[in-house]
Amino acid sequence: MDRKHALAVILSVIVLIVVGKWWRGRIRPINYTLLEEKKGLIAELADTIIPRTHSPGAKDANVAVFIVEMVRRGISLQEARTFMRGLDAIETYCNSHFRKGFVACGVDERIRVLRHFEANDRWPDTGVLRKIRNKLEVRPFFSLLRELTVVGYCTSEVGCTQALVYDYIPEYYLPCVTLEVGQRAWATA
């Protein structure tokens, strides 16, 4: 066997190994018990995105329970894997930069961690790259986390009634309402 054939065989084996690992990762089921164990981390992440101020925060609205259920049943398997890998990546980042887990970090450190992941999750939005992103249809981790947190908060009872203005039975329909200074956004259910 000459060098060309030996190199071709070696490259073929490497490609088969890489593709095999990639495929095995795509068809392997997700361990949802790990998701239950990380509910505290998810609660802290959500509370960092929507903290308690003059209105209740994400922890008060039990957004972590909503996020866990959505990852189990509401998003695609590929996005659920992305979410699980993102949780692991946050813990790894915190351990390597702060020598402690995300839950043990202070507010400033948590914000720095989330800003780092937000900056790394941005997709280039030009031409061919946009087409590739649309084809893959996998949202990055931070985008998933932020969307699930906001949806969970705004559809919770606490979010609708205490953070937003909720009118259970409106008297009449107003198609255009002018907002006043300090007025909260409207909630519909």
N, C-alpha and C. Protein backbone atom coordinates (compact mmCIF):
# COMPACT_ATOMS: atom_id res chain seq x y z
N MET A 1 0.86 -1.17 0.00
CA MET A 1 0.00 0.00 0.00
C MET A 1 0.91 1.24 0.00
N ASP A 2 0.63 2.14 -0.90
CA ASP A 2 1.44 3.35 -0.96
C ASP A 2 0.87 4.43 -0.03
N ARG A 3 1.55 5.56 0.02
CA ARG A 3 1.17 6.63 0.94
C ARG A 3 -0.22 7.19 0.67
N LYS A 4 -0.59 7.34 -0.60
CA LYS A 4 -1.89 7.91 -0.94
C LYS A 4 -3.02 7.02 -0.41
N HIS A 5 -2.91 5.73 -0.60
CA HIS A 5 -3.97 4.83 -0.13
C HIS A 5 -4.01 4.78 1.39
N ALA A 6 -2.85 4.79 2.04
CA ALA A 6 -2.81 4.78 3.50
C ALA A 6 -3.44 6.05 4.06
N LEU A 7 -3.15 7.21 3.46
CA LEU A 7 -3.72 8.47 3.90
C LEU A 7 -5.23 8.48 3.68
N ALA A 8 -5.68 7.95 2.56
CA ALA A 8 -7.12 7.88 2.27
C ALA A 8 -7.83 7.00 3.29
N VAL A 9 -7.23 5.88 3.65
CA VAL A 9 -7.83 4.98 4.64
C VAL A 9 -7.90 5.66 6.01
N ILE A 10 -6.83 6.32 6.39
CA ILE A 10 -6.80 7.00 7.70
C ILE A 10 -7.84 8.11 7.75
N LEU A 11 -7.93 8.92 6.70
CA LEU A 11 -8.93 9.99 6.66
C LEU A 11 -10.35 9.43 6.66
N SER A 12 -10.58 8.33 5.96
CA SER A 12 -11.91 7.70 5.94
C SER A 12 -12.30 7.22 7.33
N VAL A 13 -11.36 6.62 8.03
CA VAL A 13 -11.64 6.14 9.39
C VAL A 13 -11.95 7.31 10.31
N ILE A 14 -11.20 8.39 10.20
CA ILE A 14 -11.44 9.57 11.04
C ILE A 14 -12.82 10.15 10.75
N VAL A 15 -13.18 10.27 9.49
CA VAL A 15 -14.50 10.79 9.12
C VAL A 15 -15.60 9.89 9.66
N LEU A 16 -15.44 8.58 9.54
CA LEU A 16 -16.45 7.65 10.06
C LEU A 16 -16.60 7.76 11.57
N ILE A 17 -15.50 7.94 12.27
CA ILE A 17 -15.57 8.08 13.73
C ILE A 17 -16.30 9.37 14.10
N VAL A 18 -15.95 10.47 13.46
CA VAL A 18 -16.59 11.76 13.76
C VAL A 18 -18.08 11.72 13.44
N VAL A 19 -18.43 11.21 12.27
CA VAL A 19 -19.84 11.13 11.89
C VAL A 19 -20.59 10.19 12.81
N GLY A 20 -19.97 9.08 13.19
CA GLY A 20 -20.61 8.14 14.11
C GLY A 20 -20.90 8.76 15.46
N LYS A 21 -19.93 9.51 16.00
CA LYS A 21 -20.15 10.18 17.29
C LYS A 21 -21.23 11.24 17.17
N TRP A 22 -21.21 11.97 16.08
CA TRP A 22 -22.24 13.00 15.86
C TRP A 22 -23.62 12.35 15.77
N TRP A 23 -23.73 11.27 15.02
CA TRP A 23 -25.02 10.61 14.84
C TRP A 23 -25.49 9.99 16.15
N ARG A 24 -24.58 9.37 16.89
CA ARG A 24 -24.95 8.76 18.17
C ARG A 24 -25.46 9.82 19.13
N GLY A 25 -24.86 11.00 19.10
CA GLY A 25 -25.32 12.09 19.95
C GLY A 25 -26.70 12.60 19.56
N ARG A 26 -27.05 12.47 18.31
CA ARG A 26 -28.36 12.94 17.84
C ARG A 26 -29.47 11.96 18.16
N ILE A 27 -29.17 10.65 18.24
CA ILE A 27 -30.24 9.68 18.47
C ILE A 27 -30.30 9.20 19.91
N ARG A 28 -29.30 9.55 20.72
CA ARG A 28 -29.30 9.13 22.12
C ARG A 28 -30.41 9.86 22.87
N PRO A 29 -31.18 9.14 23.68
CA PRO A 29 -32.25 9.81 24.43
C PRO A 29 -31.68 10.74 25.50
N ILE A 30 -32.46 11.70 25.88
CA ILE A 30 -32.04 12.68 26.89
C ILE A 30 -32.40 12.13 28.27
N ASN A 31 -31.51 12.30 29.22
CA ASN A 31 -31.75 11.89 30.59
C ASN A 31 -32.47 13.03 31.31
N TYR A 32 -33.78 12.92 31.41
CA TYR A 32 -34.57 14.00 32.00
C TYR A 32 -34.45 14.06 33.52
N THR A 33 -33.92 13.02 34.15
CA THR A 33 -33.70 13.11 35.59
C THR A 33 -32.62 14.14 35.90
N LEU A 34 -31.65 14.28 34.98
CA LEU A 34 -30.64 15.34 35.16
C LEU A 34 -31.28 16.72 35.09
N LEU A 35 -32.31 16.84 34.26
CA LEU A 35 -33.01 18.11 34.14
C LEU A 35 -33.70 18.46 35.46
N GLU A 36 -34.30 17.46 36.11
CA GLU A 36 -34.93 17.68 37.41
C GLU A 36 -33.90 18.10 38.45
N GLU A 37 -32.71 17.48 38.38
CA GLU A 37 -31.66 17.82 39.33
C GLU A 37 -31.14 19.24 39.12
N LYS A 38 -31.26 19.74 37.91
CA LYS A 38 -30.75 21.09 37.60
C LYS A 38 -31.84 22.16 37.70
N LYS A 39 -32.96 21.81 38.31
CA LYS A 39 -34.05 22.78 38.44
C LYS A 39 -33.62 24.00 39.25
N GLY A 40 -32.78 23.81 40.27
CA GLY A 40 -32.29 24.94 41.06
C GLY A 40 -31.44 25.88 40.22
N LEU A 41 -30.59 25.30 39.37
CA LEU A 41 -29.77 26.12 38.46
C LEU A 41 -30.66 26.88 37.49
N ILE A 42 -31.67 26.20 36.96
CA ILE A 42 -32.59 26.85 36.01
C ILE A 42 -33.34 27.99 36.71
N ALA A 43 -33.74 27.77 37.96
CA ALA A 43 -34.43 28.83 38.71
C ALA A 43 -33.54 30.05 38.90
N GLU A 44 -32.27 29.82 39.20
CA GLU A 44 -31.34 30.95 39.39
C GLU A 44 -31.06 31.66 38.06
N LEU A 45 -30.94 30.89 36.98
CA LEU A 45 -30.75 31.52 35.66
C LEU A 45 -31.94 32.40 35.30
N ALA A 46 -33.14 31.86 35.49
CA ALA A 46 -34.35 32.62 35.17
C ALA A 46 -34.47 33.85 36.07
N ASP A 47 -34.11 33.70 37.35
CA ASP A 47 -34.19 34.84 38.26
C ASP A 47 -33.15 35.89 37.95
N THR A 48 -32.05 35.50 37.33
CA THR A 48 -31.06 36.49 36.90
C THR A 48 -31.58 37.27 35.70
N ILE A 49 -32.34 36.60 34.84
CA ILE A 49 -32.92 37.28 33.67
C ILE A 49 -34.06 38.19 34.09
N ILE A 50 -34.97 37.70 34.95
CA ILE A 50 -36.08 38.53 35.45
C ILE A 50 -35.99 38.53 36.98
N PRO A 51 -35.21 39.46 37.56
CA PRO A 51 -35.07 39.49 39.02
C PRO A 51 -36.27 40.15 39.69
N ARG A 52 -36.34 39.96 40.99
CA ARG A 52 -37.40 40.60 41.78
C ARG A 52 -37.03 42.07 41.95
N THR A 53 -37.95 42.94 41.59
CA THR A 53 -37.79 44.38 41.80
C THR A 53 -39.04 44.85 42.52
N HIS A 54 -39.71 45.88 41.99
CA HIS A 54 -40.99 46.29 42.57
C HIS A 54 -42.09 45.29 42.22
N SER A 55 -41.79 44.41 41.26
CA SER A 55 -42.71 43.32 40.91
C SER A 55 -42.01 41.99 41.18
N PRO A 56 -42.75 40.91 41.29
CA PRO A 56 -42.14 39.61 41.58
C PRO A 56 -41.19 39.18 40.46
N GLY A 57 -40.22 38.34 40.83
CA GLY A 57 -39.25 37.84 39.87
C GLY A 57 -39.64 36.49 39.31
N ALA A 58 -38.76 35.91 38.53
CA ALA A 58 -39.03 34.63 37.89
C ALA A 58 -39.13 33.49 38.91
N LYS A 59 -38.39 33.57 39.99
CA LYS A 59 -38.50 32.54 41.03
C LYS A 59 -39.87 32.58 41.67
N ASP A 60 -40.40 33.78 41.88
CA ASP A 60 -41.71 33.92 42.50
C ASP A 60 -42.81 33.34 41.62
N ALA A 61 -42.58 33.35 40.31
CA ALA A 61 -43.57 32.84 39.36
C ALA A 61 -43.36 31.36 39.04
N ASN A 62 -42.39 30.71 39.69
CA ASN A 62 -42.09 29.29 39.44
C ASN A 62 -41.79 29.02 37.97
N VAL A 63 -40.99 29.86 37.38
CA VAL A 63 -40.65 29.72 35.96
C VAL A 63 -39.82 28.47 35.71
N ALA A 64 -39.05 28.03 36.70
CA ALA A 64 -38.21 26.83 36.51
C ALA A 64 -39.06 25.61 36.20
N VAL A 65 -40.21 25.49 36.85
CA VAL A 65 -41.10 24.35 36.59
C VAL A 65 -41.60 24.41 35.15
N PHE A 66 -41.95 25.60 34.69
CA PHE A 66 -42.40 25.78 33.30
C PHE A 66 -41.30 25.41 32.32
N ILE A 67 -40.08 25.87 32.58
CA ILE A 67 -38.96 25.60 31.67
C ILE A 67 -38.68 24.11 31.60
N VAL A 68 -38.69 23.43 32.73
CA VAL A 68 -38.45 21.97 32.72
C VAL A 68 -39.51 21.26 31.90
N GLU A 69 -40.76 21.63 32.08
CA GLU A 69 -41.84 20.99 31.30
C GLU A 69 -41.73 21.30 29.81
N MET A 70 -41.35 22.51 29.49
CA MET A 70 -41.19 22.86 28.08
C MET A 70 -40.03 22.11 27.44
N VAL A 71 -38.94 21.94 28.17
CA VAL A 71 -37.81 21.19 27.63
C VAL A 71 -38.21 19.72 27.45
N ARG A 72 -39.01 19.21 28.36
CA ARG A 72 -39.47 17.82 28.23
C ARG A 72 -40.44 17.62 27.08
N ARG A 73 -41.40 18.54 26.95
CA ARG A 73 -42.51 18.28 26.04
C ARG A 73 -42.78 19.35 24.99
N GLY A 74 -42.18 20.52 25.13
CA GLY A 74 -42.58 21.64 24.30
C GLY A 74 -41.63 22.04 23.19
N ILE A 75 -40.39 21.57 23.25
CA ILE A 75 -39.44 21.94 22.20
C ILE A 75 -38.91 20.66 21.56
N SER A 76 -38.25 20.81 20.44
CA SER A 76 -37.74 19.64 19.72
C SER A 76 -36.64 18.95 20.52
N LEU A 77 -36.40 17.70 20.18
CA LEU A 77 -35.37 16.92 20.85
C LEU A 77 -33.99 17.55 20.66
N GLN A 78 -33.76 18.09 19.48
CA GLN A 78 -32.48 18.72 19.18
C GLN A 78 -32.29 19.98 20.04
N GLU A 79 -33.36 20.76 20.21
CA GLU A 79 -33.26 21.95 21.05
C GLU A 79 -33.12 21.57 22.52
N ALA A 80 -33.75 20.49 22.93
CA ALA A 80 -33.61 20.02 24.31
C ALA A 80 -32.17 19.61 24.59
N ARG A 81 -31.53 18.96 23.61
CA ARG A 81 -30.11 18.62 23.77
C ARG A 81 -29.25 19.88 23.86
N THR A 82 -29.57 20.86 23.02
CA THR A 82 -28.85 22.13 23.07
C THR A 82 -29.01 22.78 24.44
N PHE A 83 -30.21 22.73 24.99
CA PHE A 83 -30.47 23.31 26.30
C PHE A 83 -29.67 22.60 27.38
N MET A 84 -29.66 21.27 27.35
CA MET A 84 -28.91 20.50 28.35
C MET A 84 -27.41 20.77 28.25
N ARG A 85 -26.90 20.82 27.03
CA ARG A 85 -25.47 21.14 26.85
C ARG A 85 -25.17 22.55 27.34
N GLY A 86 -26.10 23.47 27.15
CA GLY A 86 -25.91 24.85 27.61
C GLY A 86 -25.84 24.94 29.13
N LEU A 87 -26.67 24.16 29.82
CA LEU A 87 -26.60 24.14 31.29
C LEU A 87 -25.25 23.63 31.76
N ASP A 88 -24.76 22.58 31.11
CA ASP A 88 -23.43 22.06 31.45
C ASP A 88 -22.35 23.09 31.15
N ALA A 89 -22.50 23.80 30.03
CA ALA A 89 -21.50 24.81 29.65
C ALA A 89 -21.47 25.96 30.65
N ILE A 90 -22.61 26.34 31.18
CA ILE A 90 -22.65 27.42 32.19
C ILE A 90 -21.91 26.98 33.45
N GLU A 91 -22.16 25.76 33.89
CA GLU A 91 -21.47 25.27 35.09
C GLU A 91 -19.96 25.19 34.86
N THR A 92 -19.57 24.70 33.68
CA THR A 92 -18.14 24.60 33.37
C THR A 92 -17.50 25.98 33.32
N TYR A 93 -18.18 26.94 32.70
CA TYR A 93 -17.66 28.31 32.62
C TYR A 93 -17.50 28.92 34.01
N CYS A 94 -18.50 28.75 34.85
CA CYS A 94 -18.43 29.32 36.20
C CYS A 94 -17.33 28.67 37.02
N ASN A 95 -17.19 27.36 36.91
CA ASN A 95 -16.14 26.67 37.66
C ASN A 95 -14.75 27.07 37.20
N SER A 96 -14.59 27.31 35.90
CA SER A 96 -13.26 27.67 35.40
C SER A 96 -12.92 29.14 35.65
N HIS A 97 -13.92 30.03 35.67
CA HIS A 97 -13.64 31.45 35.84
C HIS A 97 -13.77 31.93 37.30
N PHE A 98 -14.70 31.34 38.06
CA PHE A 98 -14.95 31.84 39.41
C PHE A 98 -14.67 30.80 40.50
N ARG A 99 -14.31 29.59 40.10
CA ARG A 99 -14.03 28.49 41.04
C ARG A 99 -15.23 28.12 41.90
N LYS A 100 -16.43 28.34 41.37
CA LYS A 100 -17.67 27.96 42.05
C LYS A 100 -18.77 27.84 41.02
N GLY A 101 -19.85 27.19 41.41
CA GLY A 101 -20.97 27.00 40.49
C GLY A 101 -21.77 28.28 40.31
N PHE A 102 -22.68 28.28 39.35
CA PHE A 102 -23.49 29.46 39.05
C PHE A 102 -24.33 29.87 40.24
N VAL A 103 -24.89 28.90 40.95
CA VAL A 103 -25.77 29.21 42.08
C VAL A 103 -25.01 29.93 43.18
N ALA A 104 -23.72 29.63 43.35
CA ALA A 104 -22.91 30.26 44.40
C ALA A 104 -22.35 31.62 43.98
N CYS A 105 -22.48 31.98 42.72
CA CYS A 105 -21.95 33.25 42.23
C CYS A 105 -22.79 34.42 42.71
N GLY A 106 -22.18 35.58 42.77
CA GLY A 106 -22.89 36.80 43.12
C GLY A 106 -23.64 37.34 41.91
N VAL A 107 -24.40 38.39 42.13
CA VAL A 107 -25.23 38.96 41.06
C VAL A 107 -24.38 39.46 39.89
N ASP A 108 -23.31 40.19 40.19
CA ASP A 108 -22.46 40.71 39.12
C ASP A 108 -21.82 39.58 38.31
N GLU A 109 -21.38 38.55 38.99
CA GLU A 109 -20.78 37.40 38.29
C GLU A 109 -21.81 36.69 37.42
N ARG A 110 -23.02 36.55 37.93
CA ARG A 110 -24.09 35.91 37.14
C ARG A 110 -24.39 36.70 35.88
N ILE A 111 -24.45 38.00 36.02
CA ILE A 111 -24.72 38.84 34.85
C ILE A 111 -23.59 38.72 33.84
N ARG A 112 -22.34 38.69 34.32
CA ARG A 112 -21.21 38.52 33.40
C ARG A 112 -21.29 37.19 32.67
N VAL A 113 -21.69 36.13 33.37
CA VAL A 113 -21.81 34.81 32.74
C VAL A 113 -22.88 34.85 31.65
N LEU A 114 -24.04 35.40 31.96
CA LEU A 114 -25.13 35.44 30.97
C LEU A 114 -24.78 36.34 29.80
N ARG A 115 -24.08 37.44 30.05
CA ARG A 115 -23.66 38.30 28.93
C ARG A 115 -22.66 37.57 28.03
N HIS A 116 -21.78 36.77 28.63
CA HIS A 116 -20.84 35.98 27.84
C HIS A 116 -21.59 35.00 26.94
N PHE A 117 -22.57 34.30 27.49
CA PHE A 117 -23.31 33.33 26.68
C PHE A 117 -24.20 34.02 25.65
N GLU A 118 -24.72 35.18 25.98
CA GLU A 118 -25.51 35.91 25.00
C GLU A 118 -24.64 36.36 23.83
N ALA A 119 -23.46 36.83 24.11
CA ALA A 119 -22.55 37.28 23.05
C ALA A 119 -22.11 36.11 22.17
N ASN A 120 -21.93 34.94 22.76
CA ASN A 120 -21.50 33.77 21.98
C ASN A 120 -22.63 33.09 21.24
N ASP A 121 -23.87 33.40 21.57
CA ASP A 121 -25.01 32.75 20.92
C ASP A 121 -25.50 33.47 19.68
N ARG A 122 -24.95 34.62 19.39
CA ARG A 122 -25.44 35.38 18.23
C ARG A 122 -25.03 34.71 16.94
N TRP A 123 -25.99 34.56 16.04
CA TRP A 123 -25.73 34.00 14.71
C TRP A 123 -25.47 35.14 13.75
N PRO A 124 -24.51 34.98 12.86
CA PRO A 124 -24.37 35.98 11.81
C PRO A 124 -25.64 35.99 10.96
N ASP A 125 -26.10 37.13 10.59
CA ASP A 125 -27.39 37.22 9.91
C ASP A 125 -27.22 37.76 8.48
N THR A 126 -26.35 37.13 7.72
CA THR A 126 -26.15 37.57 6.35
C THR A 126 -26.17 36.39 5.40
N GLY A 127 -26.81 36.56 4.29
CA GLY A 127 -26.77 35.65 3.16
C GLY A 127 -26.84 34.17 3.45
N VAL A 128 -25.77 33.47 3.12
CA VAL A 128 -25.71 32.03 3.21
C VAL A 128 -25.83 31.56 4.66
N LEU A 129 -25.23 32.29 5.57
CA LEU A 129 -25.28 31.90 6.98
C LEU A 129 -26.71 31.94 7.51
N ARG A 130 -27.52 32.89 7.07
CA ARG A 130 -28.93 32.95 7.47
C ARG A 130 -29.67 31.73 6.94
N LYS A 131 -29.37 31.32 5.71
CA LYS A 131 -30.01 30.14 5.13
C LYS A 131 -29.63 28.89 5.90
N ILE A 132 -28.37 28.79 6.29
CA ILE A 132 -27.93 27.62 7.07
C ILE A 132 -28.65 27.60 8.42
N ARG A 133 -28.73 28.75 9.08
CA ARG A 133 -29.41 28.82 10.37
C ARG A 133 -30.88 28.42 10.24
N ASN A 134 -31.54 28.92 9.21
CA ASN A 134 -32.94 28.58 9.01
C ASN A 134 -33.12 27.10 8.71
N LYS A 135 -32.16 26.51 8.04
CA LYS A 135 -32.23 25.09 7.71
C LYS A 135 -32.06 24.24 8.96
N LEU A 136 -31.13 24.62 9.81
CA LEU A 136 -30.88 23.86 11.03
C LEU A 136 -32.02 23.99 12.04
N GLU A 137 -32.62 25.17 12.12
CA GLU A 137 -33.73 25.46 13.02
C GLU A 137 -33.44 25.12 14.47
N VAL A 138 -32.23 25.29 14.88
CA VAL A 138 -31.89 25.09 16.28
C VAL A 138 -31.51 26.43 16.86
N ARG A 139 -32.28 26.87 17.83
CA ARG A 139 -31.97 28.12 18.48
C ARG A 139 -30.80 27.91 19.44
N PRO A 140 -29.94 28.89 19.58
CA PRO A 140 -28.83 28.77 20.53
C PRO A 140 -29.35 28.70 21.96
N PHE A 141 -28.51 28.23 22.87
CA PHE A 141 -28.90 28.01 24.25
C PHE A 141 -29.47 29.26 24.91
N PHE A 142 -28.75 30.37 24.85
CA PHE A 142 -29.21 31.55 25.57
C PHE A 142 -30.54 32.06 25.02
N SER A 143 -30.72 31.98 23.71
CA SER A 143 -32.00 32.39 23.11
C SER A 143 -33.14 31.52 23.63
N LEU A 144 -32.89 30.22 23.73
CA LEU A 144 -33.90 29.31 24.29
C LEU A 144 -34.22 29.67 25.73
N LEU A 145 -33.16 29.85 26.52
CA LEU A 145 -33.35 30.17 27.94
C LEU A 145 -34.12 31.46 28.12
N ARG A 146 -33.74 32.49 27.39
CA ARG A 146 -34.41 33.79 27.53
C ARG A 146 -35.87 33.69 27.10
N GLU A 147 -36.13 33.03 25.96
CA GLU A 147 -37.52 32.91 25.49
C GLU A 147 -38.38 32.11 26.46
N LEU A 148 -37.87 30.98 26.93
CA LEU A 148 -38.65 30.17 27.87
C LEU A 148 -38.89 30.92 29.18
N THR A 149 -37.91 31.70 29.62
CA THR A 149 -38.08 32.48 30.85
C THR A 149 -39.15 33.54 30.70
N VAL A 150 -39.10 34.28 29.60
CA VAL A 150 -40.07 35.37 29.40
C VAL A 150 -41.48 34.80 29.19
N VAL A 151 -41.61 33.76 28.39
CA VAL A 151 -42.93 33.16 28.15
C VAL A 151 -43.48 32.58 29.45
N GLY A 152 -42.63 31.88 30.19
CA GLY A 152 -43.08 31.30 31.46
C GLY A 152 -43.50 32.36 32.46
N TYR A 153 -42.78 33.47 32.49
CA TYR A 153 -43.11 34.53 33.43
C TYR A 153 -44.40 35.26 33.02
N CYS A 154 -44.50 35.59 31.75
CA CYS A 154 -45.66 36.37 31.30
C CYS A 154 -46.95 35.55 31.26
N THR A 155 -46.86 34.23 31.24
CA THR A 155 -48.07 33.41 31.24
C THR A 155 -48.39 32.85 32.61
N SER A 156 -47.56 33.15 33.60
CA SER A 156 -47.85 32.69 34.96
C SER A 156 -48.88 33.62 35.60
N GLU A 157 -49.51 33.14 36.65
CA GLU A 157 -50.49 33.95 37.36
C GLU A 157 -49.83 35.18 37.98
N VAL A 158 -48.66 34.96 38.57
CA VAL A 158 -47.94 36.07 39.20
C VAL A 158 -47.55 37.11 38.15
N GLY A 159 -47.03 36.66 37.02
CA GLY A 159 -46.61 37.58 35.97
C GLY A 159 -47.78 38.36 35.39
N CYS A 160 -48.89 37.67 35.14
CA CYS A 160 -50.06 38.34 34.55
C CYS A 160 -50.71 39.34 35.50
N THR A 161 -50.83 38.95 36.75
CA THR A 161 -51.60 39.79 37.67
C THR A 161 -50.78 40.84 38.41
N GLN A 162 -49.49 40.56 38.67
CA GLN A 162 -48.71 41.49 39.47
C GLN A 162 -47.67 42.28 38.66
N ALA A 163 -47.15 41.69 37.60
CA ALA A 163 -46.14 42.40 36.81
C ALA A 163 -46.77 43.10 35.61
N LEU A 164 -47.81 42.51 35.07
CA LEU A 164 -48.51 43.11 33.94
C LEU A 164 -49.89 43.54 34.39
N VAL A 165 -50.57 44.32 33.57
CA VAL A 165 -51.94 44.73 33.85
C VAL A 165 -52.86 43.69 33.22
N TYR A 166 -53.60 42.99 34.04
CA TYR A 166 -54.47 41.93 33.56
C TYR A 166 -55.92 42.33 33.79
N ASP A 167 -56.68 42.39 32.73
CA ASP A 167 -58.11 42.73 32.81
C ASP A 167 -58.88 41.47 32.45
N TYR A 168 -59.39 40.77 33.47
CA TYR A 168 -60.02 39.47 33.26
C TYR A 168 -61.21 39.55 32.30
N ILE A 169 -62.11 40.48 32.56
CA ILE A 169 -63.25 40.67 31.66
C ILE A 169 -63.29 42.14 31.29
N PRO A 170 -62.74 42.48 30.12
CA PRO A 170 -62.75 43.90 29.73
C PRO A 170 -64.17 44.36 29.42
N GLU A 171 -64.45 45.61 29.77
CA GLU A 171 -65.78 46.16 29.50
C GLU A 171 -66.01 46.37 28.02
N TYR A 172 -65.00 46.84 27.33
CA TYR A 172 -65.15 47.12 25.92
C TYR A 172 -63.79 46.98 25.25
N TYR A 173 -63.78 46.91 23.97
CA TYR A 173 -62.56 46.71 23.20
C TYR A 173 -61.98 48.04 22.77
N LEU A 174 -60.72 48.25 23.07
CA LEU A 174 -60.00 49.43 22.61
C LEU A 174 -58.86 48.97 21.71
N PRO A 175 -58.96 49.24 20.42
CA PRO A 175 -57.92 48.74 19.52
C PRO A 175 -56.59 49.46 19.68
N CYS A 176 -56.60 50.68 20.18
CA CYS A 176 -55.36 51.44 20.33
C CYS A 176 -55.43 52.18 21.65
N VAL A 177 -54.51 51.86 22.54
CA VAL A 177 -54.49 52.47 23.86
C VAL A 177 -53.16 53.21 24.01
N THR A 178 -53.24 54.46 24.40
CA THR A 178 -52.00 55.21 24.63
C THR A 178 -51.47 54.86 26.02
N LEU A 179 -50.18 54.62 26.09
CA LEU A 179 -49.56 54.28 27.36
C LEU A 179 -49.09 55.55 28.06
N GLU A 180 -49.30 55.57 29.35
CA GLU A 180 -48.87 56.69 30.15
C GLU A 180 -47.53 56.36 30.79
N VAL A 181 -46.87 57.36 31.31
CA VAL A 181 -45.58 57.15 31.96
C VAL A 181 -45.78 56.26 33.19
N GLY A 182 -44.99 55.19 33.28
CA GLY A 182 -45.07 54.28 34.42
C GLY A 182 -46.14 53.22 34.31
N GLN A 183 -46.89 53.23 33.23
CA GLN A 183 -47.94 52.22 33.07
C GLN A 183 -47.32 50.89 32.66
N ARG A 184 -47.86 49.80 33.22
CA ARG A 184 -47.36 48.47 32.90
C ARG A 184 -48.00 47.98 31.59
N ALA A 185 -47.35 47.01 30.97
CA ALA A 185 -47.87 46.44 29.73
C ALA A 185 -49.11 45.61 30.03
N TRP A 186 -49.95 45.37 29.02
CA TRP A 186 -51.17 44.62 29.19
C TRP A 186 -50.91 43.13 29.04
N ALA A 187 -51.65 42.34 29.77
CA ALA A 187 -51.56 40.88 29.68
C ALA A 187 -52.89 40.35 29.19
N THR A 188 -52.82 39.37 28.32
CA THR A 188 -54.04 38.69 27.87
C THR A 188 -53.84 37.20 28.10
N ALA A 189 -54.90 36.54 28.41
CA ALA A 189 -54.80 35.09 28.65
C ALA A 189 -55.85 34.36 27.88
